[in-house]
C-alpha atoms as a PDB file:
ATOM      1  CA  MET A   1      -0.001  -0.014  -0.007  1.00  0.00           C
ATOM      2  CA  LEU A   2       2.790   2.425   0.897  1.00  0.00           C
ATOM      3  CA  ALA A   3       4.681   1.552  -2.284  1.00  0.00           C
ATOM      4  CA  MET A   4       1.572   2.326  -4.343  1.00  0.00           C
ATOM      5  CA  LYS A   5       1.224   5.750  -2.665  1.00  0.00           C
ATOM      6  CA  LYS A   6       4.854   6.556  -3.397  1.00  0.00           C
ATOM      7  CA  LEU A   7       4.447   5.472  -7.031  1.00  0.00           C
ATOM      8  CA  LEU A   8       1.338   7.609  -7.492  1.00  0.00           C
ATOM      9  CA  ARG A   9       3.106  10.575  -5.851  1.00  0.00           C
ATOM     10  CA  ARG A  10       6.060  10.235  -8.232  1.00  0.00           C
ATOM     11  CA  ILE A  11       3.759  10.019 -11.234  1.00  0.00           C
ATOM     12  CA  GLY A  12       1.876  13.108 -10.026  1.00  0.00           C
ATOM     13  CA  LEU A  13       5.098  15.092  -9.582  1.00  0.00           C
ATOM     14  CA  VAL A  14       6.232  14.112 -13.090  1.00  0.00           C
ATOM     15  CA  VAL A  15       2.902  15.383 -14.490  1.00  0.00           C
ATOM     16  CA  VAL A  16       3.267  18.657 -12.585  1.00  0.00           C
ATOM     17  CA  ARG A  17       6.835  19.111 -13.869  1.00  0.00           C
ATOM     18  CA  LEU A  18       5.706  18.454 -17.446  1.00  0.00           C
ATOM     19  CA  PHE A  19       2.524  20.549 -17.560  1.00  0.00           C
ATOM     20  CA  GLY A  20       3.107  23.013 -14.700  1.00  0.00           C
ATOM     21  CA  SER A  21       4.048  26.634 -15.252  1.00  0.00           C
ATOM     22  CA  ASP A  22       6.511  28.920 -13.506  1.00  0.00           C
ATOM     23  CA  ILE A  23       5.005  31.150 -10.817  1.00  0.00           C
ATOM     24  CA  HIS A  24       6.488  34.638 -11.078  1.00  0.00           C
ATOM     25  CA  ASP A  25       6.410  37.421  -8.516  1.00  0.00           C
ATOM     26  CA  LEU A  26       4.215  40.253  -9.736  1.00  0.00           C
ATOM     27  CA  ASP A  27       6.519  42.963  -8.336  1.00  0.00           C
ATOM     28  CA  ASP A  28       9.974  41.975  -9.523  1.00  0.00           C
ATOM     29  CA  GLY A  29       9.345  39.058 -11.902  1.00  0.00           C
ATOM     30  CA  ALA A  30      11.433  36.587  -9.914  1.00  0.00           C
ATOM     31  CA  VAL A  31      10.533  32.921 -10.273  1.00  0.00           C
ATOM     32  CA  LEU A  32       8.939  31.767  -7.014  1.00  0.00           C
ATOM     33  CA  GLY A  33       8.406  28.150  -7.981  1.00  0.00           C
ATOM     34  CA  ARG A  34       6.639  25.843 -10.360  1.00  0.00           C
ATOM     35  CA  ALA A  35       3.108  24.499 -10.077  1.00  0.00           C
ATOM     36  CA  LEU A  36       0.117  23.230 -11.990  1.00  0.00           C
ATOM     37  CA  VAL A  37      -2.557  25.922 -11.697  1.00  0.00           C
ATOM     38  CA  VAL A  38      -6.070  24.472 -11.560  1.00  0.00           C
ATOM     39  CA  ALA A  39      -9.116  26.762 -11.390  1.00  0.00           C
ATOM     40  CA  PHE A  40     -12.256  24.878 -10.354  1.00  0.00           C
ATOM     41  CA  GLY A  41     -15.424  25.908  -8.601  1.00  0.00           C
ATOM     42  CA  GLY A  42     -14.389  29.534  -8.170  1.00  0.00           C
ATOM     43  CA  ARG A  43     -11.139  28.586  -6.452  1.00  0.00           C
ATOM     44  CA  VAL A  44      -7.553  28.420  -7.608  1.00  0.00           C
ATOM     45  CA  HIS A  45      -5.421  25.429  -6.604  1.00  0.00           C
ATOM     46  CA  LEU A  46      -1.651  25.286  -7.006  1.00  0.00           C
ATOM     47  CA  VAL A  47      -0.748  21.622  -7.329  1.00  0.00           C
ATOM     48  CA  GLY A  48       2.848  20.681  -6.661  1.00  0.00           C
ATOM     49  CA  TYR A  49       3.989  24.096  -5.378  1.00  0.00           C
ATOM     50  CA  ASN A  50       6.512  23.971  -2.545  1.00  0.00           C
ATOM     51  CA  GLY A  51       8.178  27.385  -2.564  1.00  0.00           C
ATOM     52  CA  LEU A  52       7.693  30.529  -0.503  1.00  0.00           C
ATOM     53  CA  PRO A  53       4.260  31.429   0.833  1.00  0.00           C
ATOM     54  CA  LEU A  54       2.190  33.255  -1.781  1.00  0.00           C
ATOM     55  CA  ARG A  55      -0.459  35.961  -1.693  1.00  0.00           C
ATOM     56  CA  PRO A  56      -2.902  36.095  -4.635  1.00  0.00           C
ATOM     57  CA  VAL A  57      -3.617  39.579  -6.040  1.00  0.00           C
ATOM     58  CA  SER A  58      -5.685  40.791  -8.934  1.00  0.00           C
ATOM     59  CA  VAL A  59      -3.714  42.244 -11.832  1.00  0.00           C
ATOM     60  CA  ALA A  60      -4.614  45.712 -13.175  1.00  0.00           C
ATOM     61  CA  GLN A  61      -6.362  45.536 -16.524  1.00  0.00           C
ATOM     62  CA  ASN A  62      -6.689  48.043 -19.380  1.00  0.00           C
ATOM     63  CA  ARG A  63     -10.394  47.408 -19.679  1.00  0.00           C
ATOM     64  CA  VAL A  64     -12.693  46.431 -16.794  1.00  0.00           C
ATOM     65  CA  LYS A  65     -14.022  42.910 -17.183  1.00  0.00           C
ATOM     66  CA  TYR A  66     -16.246  41.742 -14.375  1.00  0.00           C
ATOM     67  CA  TRP A  67     -16.633  38.207 -15.664  1.00  0.00           C
ATOM     68  CA  ARG A  68     -12.904  37.457 -15.835  1.00  0.00           C
ATOM     69  CA  ILE A  69     -10.193  38.723 -13.506  1.00  0.00           C
ATOM     70  CA  THR A  70      -6.513  38.023 -14.049  1.00  0.00           C
ATOM     71  CA  ILE A  71      -4.773  36.759 -10.912  1.00  0.00           C
ATOM     72  CA  GLY A  72      -1.113  37.219 -10.080  1.00  0.00           C
ATOM     73  CA  PHE A  73       0.977  36.163  -7.106  1.00  0.00           C
ATOM     74  CA  LYS A  74       3.263  38.011  -4.709  1.00  0.00           C
ATOM     75  CA  LYS A  75       5.489  36.819  -1.902  1.00  0.00           C
ATOM     76  CA  ALA A  76       3.682  36.921   1.413  1.00  0.00           C
ATOM     77  CA  GLU A  77       5.204  39.532   3.701  1.00  0.00           C
ATOM     78  CA  VAL A  78       6.262  38.865   7.262  1.00  0.00           C
ATOM     79  CA  PRO A  79       3.777  40.407   9.714  1.00  0.00           C
ATOM     80  CA  ASP A  80       5.002  43.744  11.063  1.00  0.00           C
ATOM     81  CA  TYR A  81       3.197  43.610  14.408  1.00  0.00           C
ATOM     82  CA  PRO A  82       5.137  42.568  17.520  1.00  0.00           C
ATOM     83  CA  ASN A  83       4.550  39.181  19.091  1.00  0.00           C
ATOM     84  CA  GLU A  84       3.628  40.236  22.624  1.00  0.00           C
ATOM     85  CA  VAL A  85       2.105  38.060  25.285  1.00  0.00           C
ATOM     86  CA  VAL A  86      -0.692  39.765  27.196  1.00  0.00           C
ATOM     87  CA  THR A  87      -1.148  38.688  30.802  1.00  0.00           C
ATOM     88  CA  HIS A  88      -4.352  39.618  32.583  1.00  0.00           C
ATOM     89  CA  GLN A  89      -4.411  40.142  36.333  1.00  0.00           C
END
């Protein structure tokens, strides 16, 4: 059973490497990783991505189209708020 899972995982990763696309940062154009982008049911799934955490953003368009929005990705920023422990007395 475990060997079958490993075999299916390897086959899946080969498919992602063949048909996947590079994920570029919207700000500087750096390659963040590679993934198979699947849009289904109003959601976007990145299959096989194992890079930095991403934040989806909508890309500015020349003409407003409400039925189709282009989505880009940016690196997720580190939170800028301090990690403070509050003790109540």
